[in-house]
Amino acid sequence: MKNYLGPGESVTRTVPSGGVVSGSGYKIGNLFCVATVTAAAGERAVFQTAGIVTLPKFPTENWAEGTLVWFQTSSGLSTSVSTTGLLIGSADGATVNPSVLGNVRLNGVALTAS
């Protein structure tokens, strides 16, 4: 197929204002992605958009397997509370409190909370 460009699990994007840190999540346009490298604003860098990643979360939350996970751009933390942020995927395994990290299966898109 001549028009196939790749699987899209990782994409190259222009680093937003403030730069990015490897392993941290970012909203670029309407896409949630995780930086694979640390880079300065304006550089081009690779970001992960799908797969299972470990992300920082609110430590007081307990997640069950499959819990929907949202990303709060203001705090940079993942959460199971859907009132703000972007739907980014689901919990890949349970977490207990006080845990500051959780495994998330990224859904490859960013859906804004209603």
PDB file of N, CA and C in Angstrom:
ATOM      1  N   MET A   1       0.845  -1.167   0.000  1.00  0.00           N
ATOM      2  CA  MET A   1       0.000   0.000   0.000  1.00  0.00           C
ATOM      3  C   MET A   1       0.897   1.238   0.000  1.00  0.00           C
ATOM      4  N   LYS A   2       0.754   2.074  -0.992  1.00  0.00           N
ATOM      5  CA  LYS A   2       1.633   3.228  -1.166  1.00  0.00           C
ATOM      6  C   LYS A   2       1.386   4.351  -0.164  1.00  0.00           C
ATOM      7  N   ASN A   3       0.206   4.419   0.409  1.00  0.00           N
ATOM      8  CA  ASN A   3      -0.098   5.540   1.295  1.00  0.00           C
ATOM      9  C   ASN A   3       0.079   5.216   2.772  1.00  0.00           C
ATOM     10  N   TYR A   4       0.589   4.039   3.126  1.00  0.00           N
ATOM     11  CA  TYR A   4       0.842   3.673   4.525  1.00  0.00           C
ATOM     12  C   TYR A   4       2.099   4.374   5.015  1.00  0.00           C
ATOM     13  N   LEU A   5       1.974   5.096   6.132  1.00  0.00           N
ATOM     14  CA  LEU A   5       3.109   5.843   6.673  1.00  0.00           C
ATOM     15  C   LEU A   5       3.726   5.220   7.911  1.00  0.00           C
ATOM     16  N   GLY A   6       3.015   4.339   8.599  1.00  0.00           N
ATOM     17  CA  GLY A   6       3.546   3.702   9.793  1.00  0.00           C
ATOM     18  C   GLY A   6       2.447   3.430  10.796  1.00  0.00           C
ATOM     19  N   PRO A   7       2.760   2.697  11.868  1.00  0.00           N
ATOM     20  CA  PRO A   7       1.740   2.291  12.829  1.00  0.00           C
ATOM     21  C   PRO A   7       1.221   3.426  13.715  1.00  0.00           C
ATOM     22  N   GLY A   8       1.966   4.501  13.905  1.00  0.00           N
ATOM     23  CA  GLY A   8       1.496   5.638  14.683  1.00  0.00           C
ATOM     24  C   GLY A   8       1.613   5.493  16.192  1.00  0.00           C
ATOM     25  N   GLU A   9       2.271   4.435  16.682  1.00  0.00           N
ATOM     26  CA  GLU A   9       2.456   4.292  18.128  1.00  0.00           C
ATOM     27  C   GLU A   9       3.403   5.342  18.677  1.00  0.00           C
ATOM     28  N   SER A  10       4.238   5.864  17.824  1.00  0.00           N
ATOM     29  CA  SER A  10       5.073   6.998  18.188  1.00  0.00           C
ATOM     30  C   SER A  10       5.068   7.962  17.010  1.00  0.00           C
ATOM     31  N   VAL A  11       5.134   9.250  17.350  1.00  0.00           N
ATOM     32  CA  VAL A  11       5.082  10.292  16.325  1.00  0.00           C
ATOM     33  C   VAL A  11       6.139  11.342  16.635  1.00  0.00           C
ATOM     34  N   THR A  12       6.594  12.034  15.608  1.00  0.00           N
ATOM     35  CA  THR A  12       7.526  13.140  15.788  1.00  0.00           C
ATOM     36  C   THR A  12       6.721  14.427  15.750  1.00  0.00           C
ATOM     37  N   ARG A  13       6.911  15.256  16.772  1.00  0.00           N
ATOM     38  CA  ARG A  13       6.180  16.509  16.901  1.00  0.00           C
ATOM     39  C   ARG A  13       7.143  17.614  17.330  1.00  0.00           C
ATOM     40  N   THR A  14       6.716  18.863  17.123  1.00  0.00           N
ATOM     41  CA  THR A  14       7.467  20.008  17.604  1.00  0.00           C
ATOM     42  C   THR A  14       7.221  20.153  19.098  1.00  0.00           C
ATOM     43  N   VAL A  15       8.293  20.269  19.859  1.00  0.00           N
ATOM     44  CA  VAL A  15       8.211  20.370  21.323  1.00  0.00           C
ATOM     45  C   VAL A  15       7.535  21.691  21.697  1.00  0.00           C
ATOM     46  N   PRO A  16       6.527  21.624  22.587  1.00  0.00           N
ATOM     47  CA  PRO A  16       5.805  22.838  22.967  1.00  0.00           C
ATOM     48  C   PRO A  16       6.618  23.763  23.869  1.00  0.00           C
ATOM     49  N   SER A  17       6.081  24.955  24.083  1.00  0.00           N
ATOM     50  CA  SER A  17       6.678  25.953  24.966  1.00  0.00           C
ATOM     51  C   SER A  17       7.009  25.334  26.319  1.00  0.00           C
ATOM     52  N   GLY A  18       8.178  25.643  26.837  1.00  0.00           N
ATOM     53  CA  GLY A  18       8.604  25.103  28.128  1.00  0.00           C
ATOM     54  C   GLY A  18       9.422  23.837  28.014  1.00  0.00           C
ATOM     55  N   GLY A  19       9.432  23.221  26.826  1.00  0.00           N
ATOM     56  CA  GLY A  19      10.189  21.990  26.629  1.00  0.00           C
ATOM     57  C   GLY A  19       9.477  20.777  27.209  1.00  0.00           C
ATOM     58  N   VAL A  20      10.097  19.625  27.070  1.00  0.00           N
ATOM     59  CA  VAL A  20       9.525  18.373  27.566  1.00  0.00           C
ATOM     60  C   VAL A  20      10.587  17.563  28.289  1.00  0.00           C
ATOM     61  N   VAL A  21      10.114  16.706  29.186  1.00  0.00           N
ATOM     62  CA  VAL A  21      10.982  15.817  29.954  1.00  0.00           C
ATOM     63  C   VAL A  21      10.625  14.384  29.595  1.00  0.00           C
ATOM     64  N   SER A  22      11.610  13.587  29.318  1.00  0.00           N
ATOM     65  CA  SER A  22      11.401  12.188  28.959  1.00  0.00           C
ATOM     66  C   SER A  22      10.535  11.481  30.000  1.00  0.00           C
ATOM     67  N   GLY A  23       9.506  10.782  29.525  1.00  0.00           N
ATOM     68  CA  GLY A  23       8.619  10.028  30.402  1.00  0.00           C
ATOM     69  C   GLY A  23       7.422  10.806  30.906  1.00  0.00           C
ATOM     70  N   SER A  24       7.373  12.102  30.636  1.00  0.00           N
ATOM     71  CA  SER A  24       6.239  12.921  31.079  1.00  0.00           C
ATOM     72  C   SER A  24       5.213  13.049  29.966  1.00  0.00           C
ATOM     73  N   GLY A  25       3.951  13.249  30.371  1.00  0.00           N
ATOM     74  CA  GLY A  25       2.865  13.368  29.417  1.00  0.00           C
ATOM     75  C   GLY A  25       2.592  14.806  29.033  1.00  0.00           C
ATOM     76  N   TYR A  26       2.140  14.992  27.781  1.00  0.00           N
ATOM     77  CA  TYR A  26       1.863  16.322  27.242  1.00  0.00           C
ATOM     78  C   TYR A  26       0.675  16.256  26.294  1.00  0.00           C
ATOM     79  N   LYS A  27      -0.052  17.359  26.213  1.00  0.00           N
ATOM     80  CA  LYS A  27      -1.089  17.523  25.197  1.00  0.00           C
ATOM     81  C   LYS A  27      -0.488  18.385  24.100  1.00  0.00           C
ATOM     82  N   ILE A  28      -0.393  17.829  22.911  1.00  0.00           N
ATOM     83  CA  ILE A  28       0.105  18.574  21.760  1.00  0.00           C
ATOM     84  C   ILE A  28      -1.025  18.597  20.744  1.00  0.00           C
ATOM     85  N   GLY A  29      -1.569  19.772  20.518  1.00  0.00           N
ATOM     86  CA  GLY A  29      -2.797  19.866  19.732  1.00  0.00           C
ATOM     87  C   GLY A  29      -3.895  19.160  20.503  1.00  0.00           C
ATOM     88  N   ASN A  30      -4.548  18.204  19.884  1.00  0.00           N
ATOM     89  CA  ASN A  30      -5.555  17.397  20.568  1.00  0.00           C
ATOM     90  C   ASN A  30      -5.080  15.977  20.808  1.00  0.00           C
ATOM     91  N   LEU A  31      -3.765  15.797  20.860  1.00  0.00           N
ATOM     92  CA  LEU A  31      -3.182  14.476  21.051  1.00  0.00           C
ATOM     93  C   LEU A  31      -2.441  14.413  22.374  1.00  0.00           C
ATOM     94  N   PHE A  32      -2.738  13.394  23.200  1.00  0.00           N
ATOM     95  CA  PHE A  32      -1.950  13.156  24.402  1.00  0.00           C
ATOM     96  C   PHE A  32      -0.803  12.237  24.019  1.00  0.00           C
ATOM     97  N   CYS A  33       0.403  12.591  24.450  1.00  0.00           N
ATOM     98  CA  CYS A  33       1.561  11.763  24.151  1.00  0.00           C
ATOM     99  C   CYS A  33       2.596  11.887  25.257  1.00  0.00           C
ATOM    100  N   VAL A  34       3.485  10.929  25.304  1.00  0.00           N
ATOM    101  CA  VAL A  34       4.533  10.864  26.320  1.00  0.00           C
ATOM    102  C   VAL A  34       5.879  11.087  25.634  1.00  0.00           C
ATOM    103  N   ALA A  35       6.638  12.043  26.149  1.00  0.00           N
ATOM    104  CA  ALA A  35       7.944  12.354  25.574  1.00  0.00           C
ATOM    105  C   ALA A  35       8.895  11.176  25.756  1.00  0.00           C
ATOM    106  N   THR A  36       9.589  10.822  24.701  1.00  0.00           N
ATOM    107  CA  THR A  36      10.571   9.736  24.791  1.00  0.00           C
ATOM    108  C   THR A  36      11.969  10.265  25.083  1.00  0.00           C
ATOM    109  N   VAL A  37      12.149  11.581  24.963  1.00  0.00           N
ATOM    110  CA  VAL A  37      13.425  12.243  25.244  1.00  0.00           C
ATOM    111  C   VAL A  37      13.146  13.576  25.934  1.00  0.00           C
ATOM    112  N   THR A  38      14.156  14.139  26.557  1.00  0.00           N
ATOM    113  CA  THR A  38      14.067  15.497  27.082  1.00  0.00           C
ATOM    114  C   THR A  38      14.529  16.433  25.975  1.00  0.00           C
ATOM    115  N   ALA A  39      13.714  17.465  25.697  1.00  0.00           N
ATOM    116  CA  ALA A  39      14.035  18.358  24.584  1.00  0.00           C
ATOM    117  C   ALA A  39      13.518  19.773  24.864  1.00  0.00           C
ATOM    118  N   ALA A  40      14.156  20.737  24.228  1.00  0.00           N
ATOM    119  CA  ALA A  40      13.789  22.142  24.390  1.00  0.00           C
ATOM    120  C   ALA A  40      12.666  22.523  23.437  1.00  0.00           C
ATOM    121  N   ALA A  41      11.942  23.578  23.801  1.00  0.00           N
ATOM    122  CA  ALA A  41      10.848  24.085  22.970  1.00  0.00           C
ATOM    123  C   ALA A  41      11.331  24.358  21.551  1.00  0.00           C
ATOM    124  N   GLY A  42      10.513  23.995  20.582  1.00  0.00           N
ATOM    125  CA  GLY A  42      10.830  24.239  19.182  1.00  0.00           C
ATOM    126  C   GLY A  42      11.582  23.111  18.502  1.00  0.00           C
ATOM    127  N   GLU A  43      12.237  22.238  19.282  1.00  0.00           N
ATOM    128  CA  GLU A  43      12.925  21.086  18.686  1.00  0.00           C
ATOM    129  C   GLU A  43      11.897  20.070  18.210  1.00  0.00           C
ATOM    130  N   ARG A  44      12.317  19.162  17.386  1.00  0.00           N
ATOM    131  CA  ARG A  44      11.472  18.047  16.971  1.00  0.00           C
ATOM    132  C   ARG A  44      11.872  16.847  17.826  1.00  0.00           C
ATOM    133  N   ALA A  45      10.873  16.126  18.343  1.00  0.00           N
ATOM    134  CA  ALA A  45      11.153  14.990  19.214  1.00  0.00           C
ATOM    135  C   ALA A  45      10.106  13.904  18.984  1.00  0.00           C
ATOM    136  N   VAL A  46      10.439  12.697  19.416  1.00  0.00           N
ATOM    137  CA  VAL A  46       9.531  11.554  19.286  1.00  0.00           C
ATOM    138  C   VAL A  46       8.699  11.434  20.558  1.00  0.00           C
ATOM    139  N   PHE A  47       7.400  11.199  20.376  1.00  0.00           N
ATOM    140  CA  PHE A  47       6.459  11.035  21.475  1.00  0.00           C
ATOM    141  C   PHE A  47       5.708   9.718  21.299  1.00  0.00           C
ATOM    142  N   GLN A  48       5.471   9.037  22.394  1.00  0.00           N
ATOM    143  CA  GLN A  48       4.712   7.782  22.408  1.00  0.00           C
ATOM    144  C   GLN A  48       3.221   8.122  22.508  1.00  0.00           C
ATOM    145  N   THR A  49       2.392   7.520  21.640  1.00  0.00           N
ATOM    146  CA  THR A  49       0.955   7.796  21.650  1.00  0.00           C
ATOM    147  C   THR A  49       0.113   6.580  21.992  1.00  0.00           C
ATOM    148  N   ALA A  50       0.707   5.420  21.978  1.00  0.00           N
ATOM    149  CA  ALA A  50      -0.015   4.181  22.274  1.00  0.00           C
ATOM    150  C   ALA A  50       0.933   3.245  23.002  1.00  0.00           C
ATOM    151  N   GLY A  51       0.353   2.224  23.619  1.00  0.00           N
ATOM    152  CA  GLY A  51       1.144   1.280  24.385  1.00  0.00           C
ATOM    153  C   GLY A  51       0.898   1.471  25.871  1.00  0.00           C
ATOM    154  N   ILE A  52       1.674   0.796  26.692  1.00  0.00           N
ATOM    155  CA  ILE A  52       1.520   0.867  28.147  1.00  0.00           C
ATOM    156  C   ILE A  52       2.709   1.622  28.721  1.00  0.00           C
ATOM    157  N   VAL A  53       2.396   2.678  29.490  1.00  0.00           N
ATOM    158  CA  VAL A  53       3.435   3.514  30.089  1.00  0.00           C
ATOM    159  C   VAL A  53       3.121   3.714  31.575  1.00  0.00           C
ATOM    160  N   THR A  54       4.149   4.001  32.351  1.00  0.00           N
ATOM    161  CA  THR A  54       3.974   4.347  33.758  1.00  0.00           C
ATOM    162  C   THR A  54       3.953   5.861  33.862  1.00  0.00           C
ATOM    163  N   LEU A  55       2.884   6.385  34.489  1.00  0.00           N
ATOM    164  CA  LEU A  55       2.725   7.832  34.613  1.00  0.00           C
ATOM    165  C   LEU A  55       2.499   8.235  36.062  1.00  0.00           C
ATOM    166  N   PRO A  56       2.884   9.459  36.417  1.00  0.00           N
ATOM    167  CA  PRO A  56       2.579   9.946  37.757  1.00  0.00           C
ATOM    168  C   PRO A  56       1.073  10.135  37.924  1.00  0.00           C
ATOM    169  N   LYS A  57       0.572   9.834  39.129  1.00  0.00           N
ATOM    170  CA  LYS A  57      -0.858   9.928  39.405  1.00  0.00           C
ATOM    171  C   LYS A  57      -1.069  10.578  40.759  1.00  0.00           C
ATOM    172  N   PHE A  58      -2.326  10.928  41.032  1.00  0.00           N
ATOM    173  CA  PHE A  58      -2.648  11.439  42.361  1.00  0.00           C
ATOM    174  C   PHE A  58      -2.475  10.294  43.360  1.00  0.00           C
ATOM    175  N   PRO A  59      -1.659  10.480  44.400  1.00  0.00           N
ATOM    176  CA  PRO A  59      -1.319   9.374  45.297  1.00  0.00           C
ATOM    177  C   PRO A  59      -2.488   8.828  46.113  1.00  0.00           C
ATOM    178  N   THR A  60      -3.552   9.581  46.267  1.00  0.00           N
ATOM    179  CA  THR A  60      -4.679   9.127  47.099  1.00  0.00           C
ATOM    180  C   THR A  60      -5.691   8.292  46.321  1.00  0.00           C
ATOM    181  N   GLU A  61      -5.489   8.113  45.027  1.00  0.00           N
ATOM    182  CA  GLU A  61      -6.444   7.351  44.220  1.00  0.00           C
ATOM    183  C   GLU A  61      -6.088   5.870  44.147  1.00  0.00           C
ATOM    184  N   ASN A  62      -7.102   5.043  44.237  1.00  0.00           N
ATOM    185  CA  ASN A  62      -6.966   3.608  43.969  1.00  0.00           C
ATOM    186  C   ASN A  62      -7.536   3.352  42.583  1.00  0.00           C
ATOM    187  N   TRP A  63      -6.788   2.660  41.746  1.00  0.00           N
ATOM    188  CA  TRP A  63      -7.283   2.299  40.416  1.00  0.00           C
ATOM    189  C   TRP A  63      -7.474   0.793  40.350  1.00  0.00           C
ATOM    190  N   ALA A  64      -8.574   0.368  39.769  1.00  0.00           N
ATOM    191  CA  ALA A  64      -8.785  -1.044  39.448  1.00  0.00           C
ATOM    192  C   ALA A  64      -8.350  -1.265  38.001  1.00  0.00           C
ATOM    193  N   GLU A  65      -8.076  -2.502  37.640  1.00  0.00           N
ATOM    194  CA  GLU A  65      -7.757  -2.799  36.237  1.00  0.00           C
ATOM    195  C   GLU A  65      -8.869  -2.272  35.352  1.00  0.00           C
ATOM    196  N   GLY A  66      -8.496  -1.579  34.293  1.00  0.00           N
ATOM    197  CA  GLY A  66      -9.471  -1.090  33.333  1.00  0.00           C
ATOM    198  C   GLY A  66     -10.124   0.233  33.690  1.00  0.00           C
ATOM    199  N   THR A  67      -9.803   0.805  34.844  1.00  0.00           N
ATOM    200  CA  THR A  67     -10.345   2.114  35.202  1.00  0.00           C
ATOM    201  C   THR A  67      -9.943   3.137  34.150  1.00  0.00           C
ATOM    202  N   LEU A  68     -10.903   3.960  33.712  1.00  0.00           N
ATOM    203  CA  LEU A  68     -10.559   5.020  32.768  1.00  0.00           C
ATOM    204  C   LEU A  68      -9.615   5.995  33.439  1.00  0.00           C
ATOM    205  N   VAL A  69      -8.619   6.456  32.688  1.00  0.00           N
ATOM    206  CA  VAL A  69      -7.609   7.360  33.222  1.00  0.00           C
ATOM    207  C   VAL A  69      -7.610   8.645  32.409  1.00  0.00           C
ATOM    208  N   TRP A  70      -7.586   9.743  33.141  1.00  0.00           N
ATOM    209  CA  TRP A  70      -7.595  11.081  32.568  1.00  0.00           C
ATOM    210  C   TRP A  70      -6.280  11.763  32.897  1.00  0.00           C
ATOM    211  N   PHE A  71      -5.920  12.774  32.124  1.00  0.00           N
ATOM    212  CA  PHE A  71      -4.690  13.534  32.360  1.00  0.00           C
ATOM    213  C   PHE A  71      -5.066  14.983  32.615  1.00  0.00           C
ATOM    214  N   GLN A  72      -4.628  15.511  33.752  1.00  0.00           N
ATOM    215  CA  GLN A  72      -4.851  16.919  34.057  1.00  0.00           C
ATOM    216  C   GLN A  72      -3.650  17.718  33.586  1.00  0.00           C
ATOM    217  N   THR A  73      -3.860  18.530  32.573  1.00  0.00           N
ATOM    218  CA  THR A  73      -2.747  19.310  32.036  1.00  0.00           C
ATOM    219  C   THR A  73      -2.210  20.306  33.052  1.00  0.00           C
ATOM    220  N   SER A  74      -3.056  20.803  33.954  1.00  0.00           N
ATOM    221  CA  SER A  74      -2.606  21.801  34.933  1.00  0.00           C
ATOM    222  C   SER A  74      -1.635  21.216  35.953  1.00  0.00           C
ATOM    223  N   SER A  75      -1.851  19.962  36.352  1.00  0.00           N
ATOM    224  CA  SER A  75      -0.988  19.336  37.361  1.00  0.00           C
ATOM    225  C   SER A  75       0.049  18.390  36.761  1.00  0.00           C
ATOM    226  N   GLY A  76      -0.211  17.912  35.554  1.00  0.00           N
ATOM    227  CA  GLY A  76       0.675  16.918  34.945  1.00  0.00           C
ATOM    228  C   GLY A  76       0.486  15.525  35.516  1.00  0.00           C
ATOM    229  N   LEU A  77      -0.639  15.320  36.239  1.00  0.00           N
ATOM    230  CA  LEU A  77      -0.893  14.027  36.874  1.00  0.00           C
ATOM    231  C   LEU A  77      -2.051  13.298  36.209  1.00  0.00           C
ATOM    232  N   SER A  78      -2.002  11.979  36.293  1.00  0.00           N
ATOM    233  CA  SER A  78      -3.090  11.134  35.818  1.00  0.00           C
ATOM    234  C   SER A  78      -4.098  10.954  36.942  1.00  0.00           C
ATOM    235  N   THR A  79      -5.351  10.763  36.569  1.00  0.00           N
ATOM    236  CA  THR A  79      -6.408  10.667  37.562  1.00  0.00           C
ATOM    237  C   THR A  79      -7.553   9.794  37.059  1.00  0.00           C
ATOM    238  N   SER A  80      -8.302   9.236  37.992  1.00  0.00           N
ATOM    239  CA  SER A  80      -9.503   8.487  37.634  1.00  0.00           C
ATOM    240  C   SER A  80     -10.744   9.370  37.698  1.00  0.00           C
ATOM    241  N   VAL A  81     -10.558  10.659  38.002  1.00  0.00           N
ATOM    242  CA  VAL A  81     -11.665  11.614  38.085  1.00  0.00           C
ATOM    243  C   VAL A  81     -11.868  12.245  36.715  1.00  0.00           C
ATOM    244  N   SER A  82     -13.061  12.073  36.160  1.00  0.00           N
ATOM    245  CA  SER A  82     -13.308  12.482  34.778  1.00  0.00           C
ATOM    246  C   SER A  82     -13.810  13.912  34.615  1.00  0.00           C
ATOM    247  N   THR A  83     -13.862  14.687  35.672  1.00  0.00           N
ATOM    248  CA  THR A  83     -14.457  16.017  35.558  1.00  0.00           C
ATOM    249  C   THR A  83     -13.560  17.039  34.870  1.00  0.00           C
ATOM    250  N   THR A  84     -12.265  16.801  34.863  1.00  0.00           N
ATOM    251  CA  THR A  84     -11.358  17.712  34.168  1.00  0.00           C
ATOM    252  C   THR A  84     -10.312  16.895  33.437  1.00  0.00           C
ATOM    253  N   GLY A  85      -9.749  17.473  32.415  1.00  0.00           N
ATOM    254  CA  GLY A  85      -8.633  16.829  31.749  1.00  0.00           C
ATOM    255  C   GLY A  85      -8.997  16.101  30.482  1.00  0.00           C
ATOM    256  N   LEU A  86      -8.112  15.205  30.107  1.00  0.00           N
ATOM    257  CA  LEU A  86      -8.205  14.469  28.856  1.00  0.00           C
ATOM    258  C   LEU A  86      -8.274  12.981  29.134  1.00  0.00           C
ATOM    259  N   LEU A  87      -9.223  12.298  28.517  1.00  0.00           N
ATOM    260  CA  LEU A  87      -9.265  10.847  28.612  1.00  0.00           C
ATOM    261  C   LEU A  87      -8.101  10.305  27.793  1.00  0.00           C
ATOM    262  N   ILE A  88      -7.179   9.588  28.451  1.00  0.00           N
ATOM    263  CA  ILE A  88      -5.968   9.137  27.761  1.00  0.00           C
ATOM    264  C   ILE A  88      -5.851   7.621  27.661  1.00  0.00           C
ATOM    265  N   GLY A  89      -6.681   6.886  28.404  1.00  0.00           N
ATOM    266  CA  GLY A  89      -6.594   5.431  28.342  1.00  0.00           C
ATOM    267  C   GLY A  89      -7.226   4.784  29.550  1.00  0.00           C
ATOM    268  N   SER A  90      -6.694   3.621  29.914  1.00  0.00           N
ATOM    269  CA  SER A  90      -7.222   2.883  31.063  1.00  0.00           C
ATOM    270  C   SER A  90      -6.077   2.283  31.866  1.00  0.00           C
ATOM    271  N   ALA A  91      -6.369   2.047  33.143  1.00  0.00           N
ATOM    272  CA  ALA A  91      -5.363   1.490  34.044  1.00  0.00           C
ATOM    273  C   ALA A  91      -4.997   0.080  33.606  1.00  0.00           C
ATOM    274  N   ASP A  92      -3.714  -0.174  33.514  1.00  0.00           N
ATOM    275  CA  ASP A  92      -3.213  -1.501  33.187  1.00  0.00           C
ATOM    276  C   ASP A  92      -2.739  -2.139  34.483  1.00  0.00           C
ATOM    277  N   GLY A  93      -3.709  -2.522  35.295  1.00  0.00           N
ATOM    278  CA  GLY A  93      -3.400  -3.094  36.602  1.00  0.00           C
ATOM    279  C   GLY A  93      -3.891  -2.183  37.706  1.00  0.00           C
ATOM    280  N   ALA A  94      -4.070  -2.763  38.859  1.00  0.00           N
ATOM    281  CA  ALA A  94      -4.584  -2.023  40.014  1.00  0.00           C
ATOM    282  C   ALA A  94      -3.474  -1.237  40.685  1.00  0.00           C
ATOM    283  N   THR A  95      -3.851  -0.123  41.313  1.00  0.00           N
ATOM    284  CA  THR A  95      -2.942   0.633  42.156  1.00  0.00           C
ATOM    285  C   THR A  95      -3.606   0.801  43.515  1.00  0.00           C
ATOM    286  N   VAL A  96      -2.814   1.017  44.517  1.00  0.00           N
ATOM    287  CA  VAL A  96      -3.351   1.277  45.852  1.00  0.00           C
ATOM    288  C   VAL A  96      -2.763   2.583  46.353  1.00  0.00           C
ATOM    289  N   ASN A  97      -3.427   3.161  47.322  1.00  0.00           N
ATOM    290  CA  ASN A  97      -2.924   4.414  47.829  1.00  0.00           C
ATOM    291  C   ASN A  97      -2.054   4.123  49.043  1.00  0.00           C
ATOM    292  N   PRO A  98      -0.970   4.780  49.256  1.00  0.00           N
ATOM    293  CA  PRO A  98      -0.516   5.947  48.506  1.00  0.00           C
ATOM    294  C   PRO A  98       0.507   5.571  47.433  1.00  0.00           C
ATOM    295  N   SER A  99       0.083   5.429  46.233  1.00  0.00           N
ATOM    296  CA  SER A  99       1.010   5.171  45.128  1.00  0.00           C
ATOM    297  C   SER A  99       1.063   6.404  44.236  1.00  0.00           C
ATOM    298  N   VAL A 100       2.254   6.771  43.824  1.00  0.00           N
ATOM    299  CA  VAL A 100       2.423   7.978  43.022  1.00  0.00           C
ATOM    300  C   VAL A 100       2.545   7.677  41.538  1.00  0.00           C
ATOM    301  N   LEU A 101       2.574   6.375  41.181  1.00  0.00           N
ATOM    302  CA  LEU A 101       2.686   5.962  39.784  1.00  0.00           C
ATOM    303  C   LEU A 101       1.615   4.940  39.457  1.00  0.00           C
ATOM    304  N   GLY A 102       1.181   4.956  38.206  1.00  0.00           N
ATOM    305  CA  GLY A 102       0.237   3.950  37.733  1.00  0.00           C
ATOM    306  C   GLY A 102       0.533   3.606  36.290  1.00  0.00           C
ATOM    307  N   ASN A 103       0.275   2.366  35.915  1.00  0.00           N
ATOM    308  CA  ASN A 103       0.465   1.938  34.538  1.00  0.00           C
ATOM    309  C   ASN A 103      -0.794   2.227  33.743  1.00  0.00           C
ATOM    310  N   VAL A 104      -0.612   2.877  32.590  1.00  0.00           N
ATOM    311  CA  VAL A 104      -1.734   3.298  31.758  1.00  0.00           C
ATOM    312  C   VAL A 104      -1.560   2.751  30.350  1.00  0.00           C
ATOM    313  N   ARG A 105      -2.616   2.141  29.847  1.00  0.00           N
ATOM    314  CA  ARG A 105      -2.652   1.734  28.434  1.00  0.00           C
ATOM    315  C   ARG A 105      -3.209   2.917  27.666  1.00  0.00           C
ATOM    316  N   LEU A 106      -2.333   3.588  26.906  1.00  0.00           N
ATOM    317  CA  LEU A 106      -2.748   4.787  26.175  1.00  0.00           C
ATOM    318  C   LEU A 106      -3.705   4.433  25.050  1.00  0.00           C
ATOM    319  N   ASN A 107      -4.710   5.283  24.856  1.00  0.00           N
ATOM    320  CA  ASN A 107      -5.717   5.019  23.832  1.00  0.00           C
ATOM    321  C   ASN A 107      -5.378   5.645  22.482  1.00  0.00           C
ATOM    322  N   GLY A 108      -4.305   6.423  22.412  1.00  0.00           N
ATOM    323  CA  GLY A 108      -3.878   6.992  21.135  1.00  0.00           C
ATOM    324  C   GLY A 108      -4.601   8.252  20.722  1.00  0.00           C
ATOM    325  N   VAL A 109      -5.510   8.745  21.550  1.00  0.00           N
ATOM    326  CA  VAL A 109      -6.212  10.000  21.274  1.00  0.00           C
ATOM    327  C   VAL A 109      -6.356  10.775  22.575  1.00  0.00           C
ATOM    328  N   ALA A 110      -6.830  12.001  22.496  1.00  0.00           N
ATOM    329  CA  ALA A 110      -7.123  12.793  23.692  1.00  0.00           C
ATOM    330  C   ALA A 110      -8.558  13.270  23.595  1.00  0.00           C
ATOM    331  N   LEU A 111      -9.384  12.851  24.515  1.00  0.00           N
ATOM    332  CA  LEU A 111     -10.762  13.280  24.548  1.00  0.00           C
ATOM    333  C   LEU A 111     -10.948  14.214  25.722  1.00  0.00           C
ATOM    334  N   THR A 112     -11.452  15.406  25.469  1.00  0.00           N
ATOM    335  CA  THR A 112     -11.649  16.386  26.533  1.00  0.00           C
ATOM    336  C   THR A 112     -12.851  16.021  27.372  1.00  0.00           C
ATOM    337  N   ALA A 113     -12.734  16.236  28.682  1.00  0.00           N
ATOM    338  CA  ALA A 113     -13.844  15.978  29.597  1.00  0.00           C
ATOM    339  C   ALA A 113     -14.999  16.892  29.261  1.00  0.00           C
ATOM    340  N   SER A 114     -16.202  16.382  29.431  1.00  0.00           N
ATOM    341  CA  SER A 114     -17.375  17.216  29.136  1.00  0.00           C
ATOM    342  C   SER A 114     -17.837  17.955  30.354  1.00  0.00           C
TER     343      SER A 114
END
